[in-house]
Amino acid sequence: MIIFLYGPDSYARKQREQFFRKEFEKKYSRLACGDFDASVPGTPEAFFIFAQSSSLFESKKLALLRGLDELLEDEAKQFAKDITPLVAHTDVTFLVTTSKKPSGPFAKFLKTAFKAEEFPLLEGKAWHAFVSREAEAHDASLSPDALSFLAEAYEGDSWRIVTELQKLSNAQDEQIQKADLAKFCIEISPEFFSLIRGLTGPGLRERMKALETLLDAQVEPAKIFSIAAYQDRSRLREMAHYDVLVKSGKLGYEEALLDLVL
């Protein structure tokens, strides 16, 4: 049985992944859970040993599988071929999480999945509702204008907004107002989003100027990258490719941004 969790909102995918794992552990032992990243050398072999081996203590197993969207084409084809008989004939639940909708050799598994859930980047009212829910969940008391300001400052970056809400919750003695946010190094210039949009403008000189201005303002390259990806959905696939390169250590976020601008 396969459960697919896919989409660019990695925070929401992680939360859902943890939900399924906890539900499984309520019925079975933690020892019956395996965690694998297909893009790490040696992982496929360990994954198949786990999936095929029998357990003296549990009749069911859960295999959490990441990294399928980072495999080379030949690797993906072989992995899909090897996993096919396991999906049909074992008592293993495969919990697969990817940043993109499964395609190529893995598309067939999406069609037959027991459950498939998509996690797109939130925007507009959905994003502000998410920020409001997370603020309440983390006991972070903010005035309405402070909450709106915070949502704008980290729009599209679920991990960062949750991290900042946790910091604010730990530091506050009373309700935080918009003017208080500067004390926590949370601030955003009026031209911030116009500069972000400038990164994909028609002229090279303008694109370079926008990037230089953002970096000179000491905005973290990771934040620029994340919000730029959110703002320009047409380049989401390209940005996802750069994100893989960054997370695998082949590029830094600043290098990825420069490459995109050029």
C-alpha atoms as a PDB file:
ATOM      1  CA  MET A   1       0.000   0.000   0.000  1.00  0.00           C
ATOM      2  CA  ILE A   2       1.293   3.468  -0.903  1.00  0.00           C
ATOM      3  CA  ILE A   3       0.491   6.849   0.613  1.00  0.00           C
ATOM      4  CA  PHE A   4       1.787   9.778  -1.440  1.00  0.00           C
ATOM      5  CA  LEU A   5       2.445  13.214   0.067  1.00  0.00           C
ATOM      6  CA  TYR A   6       3.677  15.685  -2.512  1.00  0.00           C
ATOM      7  CA  GLY A   7       4.031  19.405  -3.132  1.00  0.00           C
ATOM      8  CA  PRO A   8       6.407  22.329  -2.437  1.00  0.00           C
ATOM      9  CA  ASP A   9       5.115  23.105   1.082  1.00  0.00           C
ATOM     10  CA  SER A  10       7.622  20.929   2.940  1.00  0.00           C
ATOM     11  CA  TYR A  11       6.395  22.066   6.368  1.00  0.00           C
ATOM     12  CA  ALA A  12       2.840  20.875   5.725  1.00  0.00           C
ATOM     13  CA  ARG A  13       4.146  17.616   4.245  1.00  0.00           C
ATOM     14  CA  LYS A  14       6.310  17.064   7.315  1.00  0.00           C
ATOM     15  CA  GLN A  15       3.374  17.614   9.656  1.00  0.00           C
ATOM     16  CA  ARG A  16       1.250  15.135   7.716  1.00  0.00           C
ATOM     17  CA  GLU A  17       4.092  12.636   7.570  1.00  0.00           C
ATOM     18  CA  GLN A  18       4.403  12.788  11.354  1.00  0.00           C
ATOM     19  CA  PHE A  19       0.650  12.285  11.688  1.00  0.00           C
ATOM     20  CA  PHE A  20       0.706   9.034   9.700  1.00  0.00           C
ATOM     21  CA  ARG A  21       3.752   7.803  11.577  1.00  0.00           C
ATOM     22  CA  LYS A  22       2.178   8.459  14.978  1.00  0.00           C
ATOM     23  CA  GLU A  23      -1.024   6.731  13.914  1.00  0.00           C
ATOM     24  CA  PHE A  24       0.977   3.692  12.814  1.00  0.00           C
ATOM     25  CA  GLU A  25       2.973   3.618  16.056  1.00  0.00           C
ATOM     26  CA  LYS A  26      -0.270   3.591  18.068  1.00  0.00           C
ATOM     27  CA  LYS A  27      -1.016   0.149  16.602  1.00  0.00           C
ATOM     28  CA  TYR A  28       2.479  -1.197  16.043  1.00  0.00           C
ATOM     29  CA  SER A  29       5.986  -0.834  17.421  1.00  0.00           C
ATOM     30  CA  ARG A  30       8.405   1.947  16.496  1.00  0.00           C
ATOM     31  CA  LEU A  31      10.739  -0.839  15.492  1.00  0.00           C
ATOM     32  CA  ALA A  32       8.376  -1.550  12.607  1.00  0.00           C
ATOM     33  CA  CYS A  33       9.104   1.895  11.091  1.00  0.00           C
ATOM     34  CA  GLY A  34      11.923   2.590   8.662  1.00  0.00           C
ATOM     35  CA  ASP A  35      13.125   5.975   7.396  1.00  0.00           C
ATOM     36  CA  PHE A  36      14.890   6.126   4.004  1.00  0.00           C
ATOM     37  CA  ASP A  37      16.187   8.748   1.574  1.00  0.00           C
ATOM     38  CA  ALA A  38      16.490   7.207  -1.901  1.00  0.00           C
ATOM     39  CA  SER A  39      18.995   9.845  -3.033  1.00  0.00           C
ATOM     40  CA  VAL A  40      21.579   8.815  -0.412  1.00  0.00           C
ATOM     41  CA  PRO A  41      24.097   6.201  -1.632  1.00  0.00           C
ATOM     42  CA  GLY A  42      23.319   2.744  -0.285  1.00  0.00           C
ATOM     43  CA  THR A  43      19.776   3.620   0.749  1.00  0.00           C
ATOM     44  CA  PRO A  44      17.916   1.638  -1.954  1.00  0.00           C
ATOM     45  CA  GLU A  45      19.602  -1.583  -0.825  1.00  0.00           C
ATOM     46  CA  ALA A  46      18.763  -0.923   2.832  1.00  0.00           C
ATOM     47  CA  PHE A  47      15.214   0.020   1.873  1.00  0.00           C
ATOM     48  CA  PHE A  48      14.577  -3.238   0.022  1.00  0.00           C
ATOM     49  CA  ILE A  49      16.122  -5.324   2.825  1.00  0.00           C
ATOM     50  CA  PHE A  50      13.734  -3.633   5.280  1.00  0.00           C
ATOM     51  CA  ALA A  51      10.697  -4.085   3.011  1.00  0.00           C
ATOM     52  CA  GLN A  52      11.365  -7.738   2.203  1.00  0.00           C
ATOM     53  CA  SER A  53      12.472  -9.001   5.605  1.00  0.00           C
ATOM     54  CA  SER A  54       9.990 -10.509   8.024  1.00  0.00           C
ATOM     55  CA  SER A  55       9.639  -9.495  11.649  1.00  0.00           C
ATOM     56  CA  LEU A  56       9.104 -11.760  14.640  1.00  0.00           C
ATOM     57  CA  PHE A  57       7.335  -8.996  16.529  1.00  0.00           C
ATOM     58  CA  GLU A  58       5.123  -7.107  14.033  1.00  0.00           C
ATOM     59  CA  SER A  59       3.035  -8.226  11.075  1.00  0.00           C
ATOM     60  CA  LYS A  60       2.975  -4.729   9.541  1.00  0.00           C
ATOM     61  CA  LYS A  61       5.720  -2.243   8.691  1.00  0.00           C
ATOM     62  CA  LEU A  62       5.892   1.391   7.644  1.00  0.00           C
ATOM     63  CA  ALA A  63       8.599   2.556   5.244  1.00  0.00           C
ATOM     64  CA  LEU A  64       8.998   6.330   4.997  1.00  0.00           C
ATOM     65  CA  LEU A  65      10.615   7.101   1.654  1.00  0.00           C
ATOM     66  CA  ARG A  66      12.043  10.455   0.533  1.00  0.00           C
ATOM     67  CA  GLY A  67      14.258  11.576  -2.332  1.00  0.00           C
ATOM     68  CA  LEU A  68      12.572   9.847  -5.252  1.00  0.00           C
ATOM     69  CA  ASP A  69      12.418  13.160  -7.149  1.00  0.00           C
ATOM     70  CA  GLU A  70      16.209  13.505  -6.826  1.00  0.00           C
ATOM     71  CA  LEU A  71      17.069  10.211  -8.546  1.00  0.00           C
ATOM     72  CA  LEU A  72      18.595  10.149 -12.013  1.00  0.00           C
ATOM     73  CA  GLU A  73      16.355   8.824 -14.780  1.00  0.00           C
ATOM     74  CA  ASP A  74      17.957   5.358 -14.908  1.00  0.00           C
ATOM     75  CA  GLU A  75      17.951   5.097 -11.107  1.00  0.00           C
ATOM     76  CA  ALA A  76      14.281   6.085 -10.965  1.00  0.00           C
ATOM     77  CA  LYS A  77      13.319   3.454 -13.557  1.00  0.00           C
ATOM     78  CA  GLN A  78      15.167   0.716 -11.684  1.00  0.00           C
ATOM     79  CA  PHE A  79      13.752   1.755  -8.320  1.00  0.00           C
ATOM     80  CA  ALA A  80      10.207   1.775  -9.705  1.00  0.00           C
ATOM     81  CA  LYS A  81      10.735  -1.652 -11.230  1.00  0.00           C
ATOM     82  CA  ASP A  82      12.073  -3.115  -7.982  1.00  0.00           C
ATOM     83  CA  ILE A  83       9.366  -1.635  -5.767  1.00  0.00           C
ATOM     84  CA  THR A  84       6.423  -2.765  -7.937  1.00  0.00           C
ATOM     85  CA  PRO A  85       6.181  -6.370  -6.615  1.00  0.00           C
ATOM     86  CA  LEU A  86       6.674  -5.176  -3.026  1.00  0.00           C
ATOM     87  CA  VAL A  87       3.735  -2.793  -3.241  1.00  0.00           C
ATOM     88  CA  ALA A  88       1.414  -5.580  -4.343  1.00  0.00           C
ATOM     89  CA  HIS A  89       2.586  -8.470  -2.182  1.00  0.00           C
ATOM     90  CA  THR A  90       3.954  -7.259   1.144  1.00  0.00           C
ATOM     91  CA  ASP A  91       2.471  -5.998   4.406  1.00  0.00           C
ATOM     92  CA  VAL A  92       4.459  -2.782   4.152  1.00  0.00           C
ATOM     93  CA  THR A  93       2.881   0.647   3.959  1.00  0.00           C
ATOM     94  CA  PHE A  94       5.051   2.913   1.813  1.00  0.00           C
ATOM     95  CA  LEU A  95       4.764   6.529   2.934  1.00  0.00           C
ATOM     96  CA  VAL A  96       6.309   8.491   0.057  1.00  0.00           C
ATOM     97  CA  THR A  97       6.983  12.232   0.309  1.00  0.00           C
ATOM     98  CA  THR A  98       8.240  14.359  -2.596  1.00  0.00           C
ATOM     99  CA  SER A  99       8.440  18.069  -3.441  1.00  0.00           C
ATOM    100  CA  LYS A 100       6.839  17.530  -6.853  1.00  0.00           C
ATOM    101  CA  LYS A 101       3.929  15.518  -8.165  1.00  0.00           C
ATOM    102  CA  PRO A 102       5.246  12.016  -8.963  1.00  0.00           C
ATOM    103  CA  SER A 103       5.960  11.630 -12.660  1.00  0.00           C
ATOM    104  CA  GLY A 104       7.771   9.294 -15.029  1.00  0.00           C
ATOM    105  CA  PRO A 105       8.132   5.762 -13.643  1.00  0.00           C
ATOM    106  CA  PHE A 106       6.470   6.737 -10.355  1.00  0.00           C
ATOM    107  CA  ALA A 107       3.304   8.207 -11.892  1.00  0.00           C
ATOM    108  CA  LYS A 108       1.661   4.769 -11.995  1.00  0.00           C
ATOM    109  CA  PHE A 109       1.955   4.432  -8.224  1.00  0.00           C
ATOM    110  CA  LEU A 110       0.145   7.736  -7.736  1.00  0.00           C
ATOM    111  CA  LYS A 111      -2.814   6.404  -9.726  1.00  0.00           C
ATOM    112  CA  THR A 112      -3.116   3.316  -7.525  1.00  0.00           C
ATOM    113  CA  ALA A 113      -2.160   4.926  -4.210  1.00  0.00           C
ATOM    114  CA  PHE A 114      -4.334   4.224  -1.183  1.00  0.00           C
ATOM    115  CA  LYS A 115      -4.132   7.942  -0.424  1.00  0.00           C
ATOM    116  CA  ALA A 116      -2.540  10.895  -2.230  1.00  0.00           C
ATOM    117  CA  GLU A 117      -2.392  14.395  -0.771  1.00  0.00           C
ATOM    118  CA  GLU A 118      -0.993  17.541  -2.384  1.00  0.00           C
ATOM    119  CA  PHE A 119       0.616  20.399  -0.427  1.00  0.00           C
ATOM    120  CA  PRO A 120       0.882  23.546  -2.580  1.00  0.00           C
ATOM    121  CA  LEU A 121       2.378  26.782  -1.310  1.00  0.00           C
ATOM    122  CA  LEU A 122      -0.299  28.786   0.478  1.00  0.00           C
ATOM    123  CA  GLU A 123      -1.191  32.268  -0.645  1.00  0.00           C
ATOM    124  CA  GLY A 124      -3.640  35.046   0.100  1.00  0.00           C
ATOM    125  CA  LYS A 125      -6.328  34.286   2.668  1.00  0.00           C
ATOM    126  CA  ALA A 126      -5.174  30.674   3.035  1.00  0.00           C
ATOM    127  CA  TRP A 127      -1.667  31.841   3.990  1.00  0.00           C
ATOM    128  CA  HIS A 128      -2.940  34.378   6.530  1.00  0.00           C
ATOM    129  CA  ALA A 129      -5.277  31.767   8.027  1.00  0.00           C
ATOM    130  CA  PHE A 130      -2.325  29.378   8.383  1.00  0.00           C
ATOM    131  CA  VAL A 131      -0.224  32.025  10.143  1.00  0.00           C
ATOM    132  CA  SER A 132      -3.114  32.812  12.492  1.00  0.00           C
ATOM    133  CA  ARG A 133      -3.593  29.103  13.345  1.00  0.00           C
ATOM    134  CA  GLU A 134       0.124  28.598  13.969  1.00  0.00           C
ATOM    135  CA  ALA A 135       0.296  31.683  16.187  1.00  0.00           C
ATOM    136  CA  GLU A 136      -2.543  30.288  18.292  1.00  0.00           C
ATOM    137  CA  ALA A 137      -1.008  26.818  18.354  1.00  0.00           C
ATOM    138  CA  HIS A 138       2.316  28.217  19.619  1.00  0.00           C
ATOM    139  CA  ASP A 139       0.668  30.583  22.131  1.00  0.00           C
ATOM    140  CA  ALA A 140       2.128  33.628  20.386  1.00  0.00           C
ATOM    141  CA  SER A 141      -0.067  36.607  21.237  1.00  0.00           C
ATOM    142  CA  LEU A 142       0.144  39.239  18.488  1.00  0.00           C
ATOM    143  CA  SER A 143      -2.034  42.211  17.639  1.00  0.00           C
ATOM    144  CA  PRO A 144      -3.845  41.954  14.278  1.00  0.00           C
ATOM    145  CA  ASP A 145      -1.476  44.413  12.565  1.00  0.00           C
ATOM    146  CA  ALA A 146       1.579  42.596  13.983  1.00  0.00           C
ATOM    147  CA  LEU A 147       0.230  39.285  12.736  1.00  0.00           C
ATOM    148  CA  SER A 148      -0.417  40.715   9.256  1.00  0.00           C
ATOM    149  CA  PHE A 149       3.042  42.280   9.149  1.00  0.00           C
ATOM    150  CA  LEU A 150       4.661  38.994  10.155  1.00  0.00           C
ATOM    151  CA  ALA A 151       2.668  37.093   7.524  1.00  0.00           C
ATOM    152  CA  GLU A 152       3.854  39.517   4.847  1.00  0.00           C
ATOM    153  CA  ALA A 153       7.468  39.402   5.995  1.00  0.00           C
ATOM    154  CA  TYR A 154       7.678  35.625   5.622  1.00  0.00           C
ATOM    155  CA  GLU A 155       5.046  35.020   2.970  1.00  0.00           C
ATOM    156  CA  GLY A 156       5.401  31.561   1.437  1.00  0.00           C
ATOM    157  CA  ASP A 157       7.998  30.351   3.950  1.00  0.00           C
ATOM    158  CA  SER A 158       6.133  28.030   6.342  1.00  0.00           C
ATOM    159  CA  TRP A 159       9.215  26.816   8.216  1.00  0.00           C
ATOM    160  CA  ARG A 160      10.473  30.338   8.868  1.00  0.00           C
ATOM    161  CA  ILE A 161       7.128  31.737  10.019  1.00  0.00           C
ATOM    162  CA  VAL A 162       6.705  28.881  12.503  1.00  0.00           C
ATOM    163  CA  THR A 163      10.257  29.374  13.786  1.00  0.00           C
ATOM    164  CA  GLU A 164       9.646  33.097  14.317  1.00  0.00           C
ATOM    165  CA  LEU A 165       6.332  32.431  16.075  1.00  0.00           C
ATOM    166  CA  GLN A 166       8.095  30.042  18.441  1.00  0.00           C
ATOM    167  CA  LYS A 167      10.691  32.721  19.240  1.00  0.00           C
ATOM    168  CA  LEU A 168       8.012  35.327  19.864  1.00  0.00           C
ATOM    169  CA  SER A 169       6.070  32.964  22.103  1.00  0.00           C
ATOM    170  CA  ASN A 170       9.129  32.282  24.270  1.00  0.00           C
ATOM    171  CA  ALA A 171      10.091  35.936  24.543  1.00  0.00           C
ATOM    172  CA  GLN A 172       6.779  37.691  25.131  1.00  0.00           C
ATOM    173  CA  ASP A 173       5.316  38.940  28.404  1.00  0.00           C
ATOM    174  CA  GLU A 174       2.275  40.618  26.852  1.00  0.00           C
ATOM    175  CA  GLN A 175       0.629  40.980  23.462  1.00  0.00           C
ATOM    176  CA  ILE A 176       3.165  41.925  20.808  1.00  0.00           C
ATOM    177  CA  GLN A 177       2.413  44.996  18.750  1.00  0.00           C
ATOM    178  CA  LYS A 178       3.659  45.751  15.264  1.00  0.00           C
ATOM    179  CA  ALA A 179       6.172  48.280  16.622  1.00  0.00           C
ATOM    180  CA  ASP A 180       7.639  45.581  18.880  1.00  0.00           C
ATOM    181  CA  LEU A 181       8.670  43.327  15.983  1.00  0.00           C
ATOM    182  CA  ALA A 182      11.820  45.325  15.227  1.00  0.00           C
ATOM    183  CA  LYS A 183      13.173  44.269  18.647  1.00  0.00           C
ATOM    184  CA  PHE A 184      13.022  40.687  17.414  1.00  0.00           C
ATOM    185  CA  CYS A 185      14.822  41.601  14.153  1.00  0.00           C
ATOM    186  CA  ILE A 186      11.616  41.130  12.167  1.00  0.00           C
ATOM    187  CA  GLU A 187      11.217  43.946   9.727  1.00  0.00           C
ATOM    188  CA  ILE A 188      10.460  44.389   6.066  1.00  0.00           C
ATOM    189  CA  SER A 189      11.116  47.401   3.852  1.00  0.00           C
ATOM    190  CA  PRO A 190       8.242  48.840   1.790  1.00  0.00           C
ATOM    191  CA  GLU A 191      10.124  48.022  -1.426  1.00  0.00           C
ATOM    192  CA  PHE A 192      10.958  44.435  -0.472  1.00  0.00           C
ATOM    193  CA  PHE A 193       8.438  42.696  -2.711  1.00  0.00           C
ATOM    194  CA  SER A 194       9.055  45.077  -5.618  1.00  0.00           C
ATOM    195  CA  LEU A 195      12.712  44.049  -5.402  1.00  0.00           C
ATOM    196  CA  ILE A 196      11.714  40.388  -5.335  1.00  0.00           C
ATOM    197  CA  ARG A 197       9.671  40.923  -8.488  1.00  0.00           C
ATOM    198  CA  GLY A 198      12.640  42.766  -9.971  1.00  0.00           C
ATOM    199  CA  LEU A 199      14.693  39.564  -9.862  1.00  0.00           C
ATOM    200  CA  THR A 200      12.702  38.288 -12.847  1.00  0.00           C
ATOM    201  CA  GLY A 201      12.410  41.592 -14.704  1.00  0.00           C
ATOM    202  CA  PRO A 202      13.186  41.959 -18.416  1.00  0.00           C
ATOM    203  CA  GLY A 203      16.533  43.747 -18.087  1.00  0.00           C
ATOM    204  CA  LEU A 204      19.737  42.151 -16.770  1.00  0.00           C
ATOM    205  CA  ARG A 205      20.923  45.417 -15.203  1.00  0.00           C
ATOM    206  CA  GLU A 206      17.635  45.781 -13.308  1.00  0.00           C
ATOM    207  CA  ARG A 207      17.725  42.158 -12.150  1.00  0.00           C
ATOM    208  CA  MET A 208      21.301  42.531 -10.881  1.00  0.00           C
ATOM    209  CA  LYS A 209      20.439  45.800  -9.129  1.00  0.00           C
ATOM    210  CA  ALA A 210      17.472  44.172  -7.368  1.00  0.00           C
ATOM    211  CA  LEU A 211      19.627  41.266  -6.160  1.00  0.00           C
ATOM    212  CA  GLU A 212      22.453  43.563  -5.004  1.00  0.00           C
ATOM    213  CA  THR A 213      20.005  45.759  -3.089  1.00  0.00           C
ATOM    214  CA  LEU A 214      18.455  42.761  -1.327  1.00  0.00           C
ATOM    215  CA  LEU A 215      21.840  41.327  -0.381  1.00  0.00           C
ATOM    216  CA  ASP A 216      23.193  44.738   0.712  1.00  0.00           C
ATOM    217  CA  ALA A 217      20.177  44.992   3.036  1.00  0.00           C
ATOM    218  CA  GLN A 218      21.444  41.748   4.623  1.00  0.00           C
ATOM    219  CA  VAL A 219      18.344  39.794   3.689  1.00  0.00           C
ATOM    220  CA  GLU A 220      19.240  36.125   3.985  1.00  0.00           C
ATOM    221  CA  PRO A 221      19.748  34.537   0.545  1.00  0.00           C
ATOM    222  CA  ALA A 222      17.617  31.556   1.636  1.00  0.00           C
ATOM    223  CA  LYS A 223      14.711  33.911   2.396  1.00  0.00           C
ATOM    224  CA  ILE A 224      15.107  35.719  -0.946  1.00  0.00           C
ATOM    225  CA  PHE A 225      15.135  32.380  -2.747  1.00  0.00           C
ATOM    226  CA  SER A 226      12.093  31.039  -0.901  1.00  0.00           C
ATOM    227  CA  ILE A 227       9.939  34.123  -1.473  1.00  0.00           C
ATOM    228  CA  ALA A 228      11.096  34.485  -5.095  1.00  0.00           C
ATOM    229  CA  ALA A 229       9.993  30.890  -5.730  1.00  0.00           C
ATOM    230  CA  TYR A 230       6.635  31.625  -4.150  1.00  0.00           C
ATOM    231  CA  GLN A 231       6.102  34.863  -6.081  1.00  0.00           C
ATOM    232  CA  ASP A 232       6.910  33.458  -9.542  1.00  0.00           C
ATOM    233  CA  ARG A 233       4.986  30.198  -9.829  1.00  0.00           C
ATOM    234  CA  SER A 234       5.937  29.819 -13.512  1.00  0.00           C
ATOM    235  CA  ARG A 235       9.529  29.077 -12.454  1.00  0.00           C
ATOM    236  CA  LEU A 236       8.646  26.719  -9.622  1.00  0.00           C
ATOM    237  CA  ARG A 237      10.137  23.663 -11.343  1.00  0.00           C
ATOM    238  CA  GLU A 238      13.367  25.547 -12.055  1.00  0.00           C
ATOM    239  CA  MET A 239      13.547  26.813  -8.473  1.00  0.00           C
ATOM    240  CA  ALA A 240      12.950  23.294  -7.160  1.00  0.00           C
ATOM    241  CA  HIS A 241      15.932  22.114  -9.211  1.00  0.00           C
ATOM    242  CA  TYR A 242      18.151  24.787  -7.663  1.00  0.00           C
ATOM    243  CA  ASP A 243      16.814  23.943  -4.217  1.00  0.00           C
ATOM    244  CA  VAL A 244      17.945  20.338  -4.695  1.00  0.00           C
ATOM    245  CA  LEU A 245      21.419  21.548  -5.704  1.00  0.00           C
ATOM    246  CA  VAL A 246      21.623  23.769  -2.617  1.00  0.00           C
ATOM    247  CA  LYS A 247      20.468  21.087  -0.205  1.00  0.00           C
ATOM    248  CA  SER A 248      22.893  18.578  -1.704  1.00  0.00           C
ATOM    249  CA  GLY A 249      25.771  21.000  -1.098  1.00  0.00           C
ATOM    250  CA  LYS A 250      26.525  21.716  -4.767  1.00  0.00           C
ATOM    251  CA  LEU A 251      25.461  25.375  -4.608  1.00  0.00           C
ATOM    252  CA  GLY A 252      24.794  28.073  -2.054  1.00  0.00           C
ATOM    253  CA  TYR A 253      21.543  30.061  -2.114  1.00  0.00           C
ATOM    254  CA  GLU A 254      23.439  33.201  -3.160  1.00  0.00           C
ATOM    255  CA  GLU A 255      25.030  31.349  -6.089  1.00  0.00           C
ATOM    256  CA  ALA A 256      21.636  29.935  -7.099  1.00  0.00           C
ATOM    257  CA  LEU A 257      20.098  33.426  -7.069  1.00  0.00           C
ATOM    258  CA  LEU A 258      22.930  34.846  -9.156  1.00  0.00           C
ATOM    259  CA  ASP A 259      22.538  32.038 -11.674  1.00  0.00           C
ATOM    260  CA  LEU A 260      18.796  32.687 -11.890  1.00  0.00           C
ATOM    261  CA  VAL A 261      19.273  36.430 -12.372  1.00  0.00           C
ATOM    262  CA  LEU A 262      21.853  35.916 -15.114  1.00  0.00           C
END
